[in-house]
Amino acid sequence: MSNPRKGSYVSEENFSQEVQRELNNPVGSRLRIEESHGKGIANTFLQEPMSKYFFTPGGSDKTISGRNNTHIIFGRNQPNSCWSGHGGKGHHKSGEISLIAGLAPHVKDGTVVNKNSIDDAAMLFISQKSDVDTDFGLAAGQIGNVKNRSAVSMKADNIRIISRGGGIKLVTGGSQNTKTRSRGLGLVNTVSQLVQDSIFTERDSTGGFSAKPAPGIELIAGNNDEKQKLSFLGRILNGDDADSEVETLQPVPLGENLNECLVKIINEISNLNGQVYDLAATQRRFNARLMSHTHITTAPGVPTTPSLSVMASGFLTNVKIGFVQSKLVAQKVGLATHTINYLRSFGSKWICSENVRTT
């Protein structure tokens, strides 16, 4: 039999007609072992080039490895080489379970490698103690680089979290209605526990407490949290100077609060619209009176004829004011439509998500 590691990918065309019939048989009859062995068709054994996991001499790792570059590693915190992480420093309480599919998939067949948070194809680390942001080279954001804490981290080309029912919650902070329990005895321990329960929620992996009731949630696209300079056109349009910068990582607005704010702004604009309209109407009435204004002559005491120039000017002014009033009416209608479309839950472009909420 030829070496299955050589040559191109295997397809059904490489098999005899009999095996192809068996492959397409809905009953799923057994494949002929002599033709399918090592080629992986129908999820049979596939012999393929892959790396080998490096066991540290005298190390504490226990590994379960599959036949196609899949590994479950029980050891201590080690994001890369055996010298890395808290395991490499010999720290206590740094146990770690690593699930890896595709250990160093780009190296030559048989190359001995350590797990690597940069190069491995897909990974899930469950760590009792780690410097998770440093281990994966993550932007600090406003949360910062967390160190010496437990972490669950996963990385792959694509990640999907799917819920059929019940939704998905991203929650920070301790459990509700859960109080820590002192393992000590005596009045001092009891009082101390009551004080802790009144301030904190639950212990972290180090046995300590976090005074933050709600640690942040940050979504950082592109792993970049650095400030961005405005473009030349952006500076001109915004009236900013050349050194103006914009925060890349910004807080997410709360839908209901934002909605309330926008409603109030629109109401203020609408009120201003009404005041300008009233002012225009008053001006039109004044202009009409001015157009027909006359004076009483000294002799024989009869009114003079209105000024033709004033009449012409007043007429043109009233026409222009009429256009202004019509635009104000259109704006009033537009504001009402905008409010319905964007700021009402039944609107076609309701600004709040019906499914996603954030604190």
Protein backbone atom coordinates (compact mmCIF):
# COMPACT_ATOMS: atom_id res chain seq x y z
CA MET A 1 0.00 0.00 0.00
CA SER A 2 1.28 3.46 -0.86
CA ASN A 3 2.04 5.93 1.88
CA PRO A 4 -1.22 7.86 2.54
CA ARG A 5 0.79 10.88 3.70
CA LYS A 6 2.06 11.50 0.18
CA GLY A 7 0.06 13.00 -2.67
CA SER A 8 -3.01 15.16 -2.83
CA TYR A 9 -6.20 15.07 -0.82
CA VAL A 10 -8.28 11.92 -1.08
CA SER A 11 -11.76 12.00 -2.60
CA GLU A 12 -14.33 9.32 -3.42
CA GLU A 13 -12.88 9.10 -6.93
CA ASN A 14 -9.84 7.32 -5.45
CA PHE A 15 -11.98 4.36 -4.41
CA SER A 16 -13.33 1.44 -6.37
CA GLN A 17 -16.95 1.52 -7.58
CA GLU A 18 -17.83 -1.05 -4.93
CA VAL A 19 -16.50 1.15 -2.11
CA GLN A 20 -18.21 4.19 -3.62
CA ARG A 21 -21.51 2.30 -3.57
CA GLU A 22 -20.90 1.47 0.09
CA LEU A 23 -20.08 5.12 0.84
CA ASN A 24 -23.39 6.22 -0.69
CA ASN A 25 -25.38 3.40 0.89
CA PRO A 26 -27.87 4.97 3.35
CA VAL A 27 -27.76 1.81 5.42
CA GLY A 28 -24.10 2.57 6.05
CA SER A 29 -22.54 -0.78 5.25
CA ARG A 30 -18.99 -1.37 6.39
CA LEU A 31 -16.18 -0.04 4.27
CA ARG A 32 -13.54 -2.30 2.94
CA ILE A 33 -10.71 -1.78 5.43
CA GLU A 34 -7.97 -2.49 2.93
CA GLU A 35 -9.09 0.41 0.73
CA SER A 36 -10.11 2.96 3.36
CA HIS A 37 -7.43 2.48 6.02
CA GLY A 38 -5.44 5.66 6.61
CA LYS A 39 -7.51 7.77 4.22
CA GLY A 40 -10.17 8.97 6.65
CA ILE A 41 -13.21 8.61 4.41
CA ALA A 42 -16.44 8.22 6.41
CA ASN A 43 -14.49 9.19 9.54
CA THR A 44 -12.30 6.11 9.44
CA PHE A 45 -8.72 6.33 10.65
CA LEU A 46 -6.76 9.09 8.91
CA GLN A 47 -3.01 9.14 9.00
CA GLU A 48 -1.84 12.73 8.56
CA PRO A 49 1.23 14.84 9.29
CA MET A 50 1.12 16.48 12.71
CA SER A 51 3.27 17.74 15.55
CA LYS A 52 4.03 15.93 18.80
CA TYR A 53 3.45 17.40 22.25
CA PHE A 54 6.58 18.06 24.28
CA PHE A 55 6.50 16.44 27.70
CA THR A 56 8.69 18.31 30.17
CA PRO A 57 11.20 15.86 31.67
CA GLY A 58 9.92 15.13 35.16
CA GLY A 59 6.94 17.34 34.41
CA SER A 60 3.51 17.28 36.01
CA ASP A 61 1.55 17.10 32.75
CA LYS A 62 -0.93 14.35 32.12
CA THR A 63 -2.11 14.27 28.53
CA ILE A 64 -4.86 12.52 26.63
CA SER A 65 -4.15 12.74 22.90
CA GLY A 66 -6.34 11.82 19.97
CA ARG A 67 -5.13 10.44 16.66
CA ASN A 68 -5.59 13.68 14.72
CA ASN A 69 -3.69 16.34 16.64
CA THR A 70 -6.21 16.78 19.45
CA HIS A 71 -5.11 16.98 23.09
CA ILE A 72 -6.43 17.39 26.62
CA ILE A 73 -3.57 18.47 28.89
CA PHE A 74 -3.80 18.42 32.68
CA GLY A 75 -1.00 20.49 34.15
CA ARG A 76 -0.19 23.95 35.46
CA ASN A 77 -0.53 27.38 33.90
CA GLN A 78 1.65 27.36 30.77
CA PRO A 79 0.60 29.54 27.85
CA ASN A 80 3.69 28.69 25.79
CA SER A 81 6.98 27.00 26.70
CA CYS A 82 7.54 25.03 29.90
CA TRP A 83 9.17 28.17 31.34
CA SER A 84 6.12 30.36 30.77
CA GLY A 85 3.20 31.22 33.01
CA HIS A 86 2.81 30.54 36.69
CA GLY A 87 3.63 26.88 36.12
CA GLY A 88 6.99 27.88 34.69
CA LYS A 89 7.68 29.95 37.81
CA GLY A 90 6.82 27.04 40.08
CA HIS A 91 3.83 28.75 41.64
CA HIS A 92 1.30 26.90 43.76
CA LYS A 93 -2.43 26.92 42.98
CA SER A 94 -1.91 27.34 39.25
CA GLY A 95 -3.56 24.19 37.90
CA GLU A 96 -4.74 24.30 34.31
CA ILE A 97 -6.74 22.16 31.90
CA SER A 98 -6.01 22.78 28.23
CA LEU A 99 -8.12 21.53 25.33
CA ILE A 100 -6.37 21.91 21.98
CA ALA A 101 -7.43 20.99 18.47
CA GLY A 102 -4.55 21.56 16.07
CA LEU A 103 -1.34 21.76 18.10
CA ALA A 104 1.12 23.85 16.04
CA PRO A 105 -0.61 22.88 12.77
CA HIS A 106 1.95 24.65 10.54
CA VAL A 107 5.11 22.79 11.59
CA LYS A 108 6.65 19.77 9.88
CA ASP A 109 5.39 16.28 10.64
CA GLY A 110 6.78 14.91 13.89
CA THR A 111 8.10 18.24 15.22
CA VAL A 112 8.06 18.27 19.02
CA VAL A 113 6.35 21.41 20.33
CA ASN A 114 4.81 22.96 23.42
CA LYS A 115 1.29 24.31 23.39
CA ASN A 116 1.22 27.91 22.22
CA SER A 117 -1.48 30.54 22.68
CA ILE A 118 -0.41 32.18 19.41
CA ASP A 119 0.11 29.29 17.00
CA ASP A 120 -2.31 26.52 18.01
CA ALA A 121 -5.41 26.29 15.83
CA ALA A 122 -8.14 26.21 18.49
CA MET A 123 -7.81 26.13 22.27
CA LEU A 124 -9.70 26.35 25.52
CA PHE A 125 -7.78 26.97 28.76
CA ILE A 126 -9.29 26.61 32.23
CA SER A 127 -6.77 28.13 34.61
CA GLN A 128 -6.75 28.36 38.38
CA LYS A 129 -4.24 31.21 38.17
CA SER A 130 -3.04 33.06 35.10
CA ASP A 131 -2.15 36.44 33.59
CA VAL A 132 -4.75 35.92 30.89
CA ASP A 133 -4.42 39.28 29.10
CA THR A 134 -0.62 39.02 28.94
CA ASP A 135 -0.75 35.35 27.93
CA PHE A 136 -2.88 36.16 24.88
CA GLY A 137 -1.42 39.61 24.13
CA LEU A 138 -4.71 41.46 24.65
CA ALA A 139 -5.28 45.20 24.71
CA ALA A 140 -5.61 46.49 28.27
CA GLY A 141 -8.78 48.47 27.64
CA GLN A 142 -10.18 50.21 30.70
CA ILE A 143 -10.45 46.95 32.63
CA GLY A 144 -6.65 46.61 32.47
CA ASN A 145 -4.36 43.58 32.42
CA VAL A 146 -5.67 41.12 34.98
CA LYS A 147 -2.97 39.11 36.75
CA ASN A 148 -2.81 36.22 39.21
CA ARG A 149 -6.46 35.30 38.84
CA SER A 150 -8.42 32.33 37.58
CA ALA A 151 -9.56 32.52 33.97
CA VAL A 152 -11.36 30.63 31.25
CA SER A 153 -10.00 31.61 27.86
CA MET A 154 -10.66 30.34 24.38
CA LYS A 155 -9.23 31.20 20.99
CA ALA A 156 -9.82 30.06 17.42
CA ASP A 157 -10.25 31.47 13.94
CA ASN A 158 -13.98 31.70 14.59
CA ILE A 159 -16.02 31.46 17.79
CA ARG A 160 -19.77 31.01 17.98
CA ILE A 161 -21.84 30.93 21.18
CA ILE A 162 -25.28 29.56 20.43
CA SER A 163 -28.36 29.30 22.62
CA ARG A 164 -31.49 27.49 21.46
CA GLY A 165 -33.58 28.86 24.31
CA GLY A 166 -33.10 30.85 27.47
CA GLY A 167 -30.83 33.44 25.87
CA ILE A 168 -27.20 34.35 26.48
CA LYS A 169 -26.07 36.38 29.48
CA LEU A 170 -22.70 38.10 29.91
CA VAL A 171 -22.58 38.73 33.65
CA THR A 172 -19.86 40.27 35.81
CA GLY A 173 -19.75 40.32 39.58
CA GLY A 174 -20.64 37.75 42.20
CA SER A 175 -23.74 35.62 42.51
CA GLN A 176 -26.92 37.19 43.83
CA ASN A 177 -28.13 36.22 47.31
CA THR A 178 -24.96 34.23 47.91
CA LYS A 179 -23.05 34.99 51.09
CA THR A 180 -19.66 33.61 51.97
CA ARG A 181 -19.40 31.41 55.01
CA SER A 182 -16.58 31.67 57.53
CA ARG A 183 -14.84 28.42 58.29
CA GLY A 184 -13.61 29.82 61.59
CA LEU A 185 -15.34 29.79 64.94
CA GLY A 186 -15.87 32.43 67.58
CA LEU A 187 -17.41 35.87 67.83
CA VAL A 188 -14.59 37.69 66.00
CA ASN A 189 -14.91 35.47 62.92
CA THR A 190 -18.69 35.78 62.93
CA VAL A 191 -18.61 39.60 63.13
CA SER A 192 -15.91 39.72 60.45
CA GLN A 193 -18.03 37.53 58.20
CA LEU A 194 -21.08 39.73 58.66
CA VAL A 195 -19.06 42.80 57.68
CA GLN A 196 -17.68 41.05 54.59
CA ASP A 197 -21.15 39.87 53.57
CA SER A 198 -22.49 43.42 53.81
CA ILE A 199 -19.80 44.79 51.48
CA PHE A 200 -18.72 41.97 49.16
CA THR A 201 -20.45 39.15 47.32
CA GLU A 202 -18.12 36.18 47.08
CA ARG A 203 -14.45 35.28 47.23
CA ASP A 204 -12.29 35.18 44.13
CA SER A 205 -9.80 32.46 43.24
CA THR A 206 -7.19 33.87 45.63
CA GLY A 207 -9.57 33.84 48.58
CA GLY A 208 -9.92 37.61 48.55
CA PHE A 209 -12.82 39.88 47.71
CA SER A 210 -13.49 42.38 44.97
CA ALA A 211 -14.98 45.72 46.00
CA LYS A 212 -16.26 46.25 42.46
CA PRO A 213 -19.97 45.37 42.37
CA ALA A 214 -19.97 45.26 38.57
CA PRO A 215 -16.63 44.77 36.76
CA GLY A 216 -16.77 46.00 33.18
CA ILE A 217 -17.61 44.24 29.94
CA GLU A 218 -15.50 45.40 26.99
CA LEU A 219 -15.92 44.45 23.33
CA ILE A 220 -12.63 45.32 21.60
CA ALA A 221 -12.66 44.72 17.85
CA GLY A 222 -9.22 44.42 16.29
CA ASN A 223 -7.53 44.09 19.73
CA ASN A 224 -6.84 47.84 19.66
CA ASP A 225 -7.77 50.37 22.35
CA GLU A 226 -5.45 53.23 21.33
CA LYS A 227 -6.84 56.69 20.65
CA GLN A 228 -7.32 57.60 16.99
CA LYS A 229 -6.45 60.93 15.41
CA LEU A 230 -9.16 62.64 13.40
CA SER A 231 -8.69 62.88 9.66
CA PHE A 232 -8.00 66.27 8.11
CA LEU A 233 -11.57 66.52 6.83
CA GLY A 234 -12.90 65.39 10.22
CA ARG A 235 -10.93 68.13 11.99
CA ILE A 236 -12.22 70.76 9.56
CA LEU A 237 -15.85 69.67 9.90
CA ASN A 238 -15.65 69.44 13.69
CA GLY A 239 -13.56 72.58 14.16
CA ASP A 240 -10.88 70.64 16.08
CA ASP A 241 -7.15 71.27 16.15
CA ALA A 242 -4.49 69.02 14.62
CA ASP A 243 -3.84 67.14 17.87
CA SER A 244 -7.46 66.15 18.44
CA GLU A 245 -7.97 62.46 19.22
CA VAL A 246 -10.99 60.21 19.62
CA GLU A 247 -11.29 57.43 22.17
CA THR A 248 -11.46 54.07 20.39
CA LEU A 249 -13.01 52.29 23.36
CA GLN A 250 -16.17 54.11 24.39
CA PRO A 251 -19.10 53.30 26.67
CA VAL A 252 -22.24 51.83 25.13
CA PRO A 253 -25.28 54.10 25.58
CA LEU A 254 -28.26 52.75 27.50
CA GLY A 255 -31.20 52.52 25.14
CA GLU A 256 -33.98 53.79 27.40
CA ASN A 257 -31.88 56.66 28.77
CA LEU A 258 -30.76 57.62 25.27
CA ASN A 259 -34.35 57.43 24.07
CA GLU A 260 -35.52 59.72 26.88
CA CYS A 261 -32.75 62.20 26.10
CA LEU A 262 -33.57 62.28 22.37
CA VAL A 263 -37.28 62.69 23.07
CA LYS A 264 -36.51 65.72 25.26
CA ILE A 265 -34.23 67.21 22.58
CA ILE A 266 -36.91 66.77 19.93
CA ASN A 267 -39.49 68.32 22.24
CA GLU A 268 -37.21 71.33 22.75
CA ILE A 269 -36.69 71.66 18.98
CA SER A 270 -40.44 71.40 18.49
CA ASN A 271 -41.05 74.11 21.08
CA LEU A 272 -38.48 76.33 19.38
CA ASN A 273 -40.19 75.62 16.08
CA GLY A 274 -43.50 76.81 17.53
CA GLN A 275 -41.97 80.00 18.91
CA VAL A 276 -40.35 80.86 15.56
CA TYR A 277 -43.66 80.14 13.80
CA ASP A 278 -45.52 82.48 16.19
CA LEU A 279 -42.87 85.13 15.64
CA ALA A 280 -43.27 84.79 11.87
CA ALA A 281 -47.06 85.06 12.16
CA THR A 282 -46.76 88.21 14.30
CA GLN A 283 -44.34 89.71 11.79
CA ARG A 284 -46.74 89.00 8.94
CA ARG A 285 -49.58 90.75 10.76
CA PHE A 286 -47.33 93.74 11.46
CA ASN A 287 -46.24 93.87 7.83
CA ALA A 288 -49.85 93.77 6.69
CA ARG A 289 -50.69 96.72 8.92
CA LEU A 290 -47.60 98.60 7.75
CA MET A 291 -48.51 98.02 4.09
CA SER A 292 -51.86 99.72 4.57
CA HIS A 293 -50.62 102.41 6.94
CA THR A 294 -51.64 105.99 6.15
CA HIS A 295 -51.14 109.45 7.65
CA ILE A 296 -53.71 112.20 8.16
CA THR A 297 -52.97 115.32 6.15
CA THR A 298 -53.03 118.68 7.85
CA ALA A 299 -55.45 120.00 5.29
CA PRO A 300 -58.13 119.08 4.43
CA GLY A 301 -57.64 116.29 7.13
CA VAL A 302 -58.05 113.15 5.01
CA PRO A 303 -55.82 110.05 4.99
CA THR A 304 -52.97 109.88 2.55
CA THR A 305 -52.54 106.96 0.18
CA PRO A 306 -50.30 104.13 1.39
CA SER A 307 -46.65 104.16 0.36
CA LEU A 308 -46.22 102.11 -2.79
CA SER A 309 -42.62 101.18 -1.89
CA VAL A 310 -43.67 100.01 1.59
CA MET A 311 -46.52 98.00 0.12
CA ALA A 312 -44.22 96.27 -2.35
CA SER A 313 -41.56 95.55 0.26
CA GLY A 314 -44.14 94.33 2.77
CA PHE A 315 -45.75 92.04 0.19
CA LEU A 316 -42.42 90.41 -0.73
CA THR A 317 -41.48 90.05 2.94
CA ASN A 318 -44.77 88.34 3.75
CA VAL A 319 -44.28 85.94 0.85
CA LYS A 320 -40.87 84.97 2.22
CA ILE A 321 -42.26 84.60 5.73
CA GLY A 322 -44.97 82.37 4.28
CA PHE A 323 -42.27 80.08 2.90
CA VAL A 324 -40.58 80.04 6.30
CA GLN A 325 -43.85 79.10 7.99
CA SER A 326 -44.48 76.28 5.51
CA LYS A 327 -41.00 74.90 6.19
CA LEU A 328 -41.60 75.14 9.93
CA VAL A 329 -44.83 73.16 9.50
CA ALA A 330 -42.96 70.53 7.46
CA GLN A 331 -40.26 70.36 10.14
CA LYS A 332 -42.93 69.86 12.80
CA VAL A 333 -44.35 66.94 10.83
CA GLY A 334 -40.83 65.55 10.29
CA LEU A 335 -40.06 65.69 14.02
CA ALA A 336 -43.25 63.82 14.80
CA THR A 337 -42.46 61.18 12.16
CA HIS A 338 -38.88 60.87 13.43
CA THR A 339 -40.16 60.36 16.95
CA ILE A 340 -42.51 57.58 15.87
CA ASN A 341 -39.93 55.79 13.70
CA TYR A 342 -36.94 55.90 16.06
CA LEU A 343 -38.12 56.67 19.60
CA ARG A 344 -41.20 54.49 19.98
CA SER A 345 -41.03 50.74 20.57
CA PHE A 346 -43.51 50.14 17.72
CA GLY A 347 -41.47 52.24 15.28
CA SER A 348 -39.82 50.73 12.22
CA LYS A 349 -36.35 51.89 13.35
CA TRP A 350 -36.67 51.69 17.15
CA ILE A 351 -33.19 52.53 18.48
CA CYS A 352 -33.31 50.04 21.36
CA SER A 353 -32.55 46.37 20.87
CA GLU A 354 -35.37 44.02 21.76
CA ASN A 355 -32.92 41.27 22.73
CA VAL A 356 -29.58 42.71 23.85
CA ARG A 357 -29.18 44.68 27.06
CA THR A 358 -26.16 46.02 28.91
CA THR A 359 -25.43 47.59 32.27
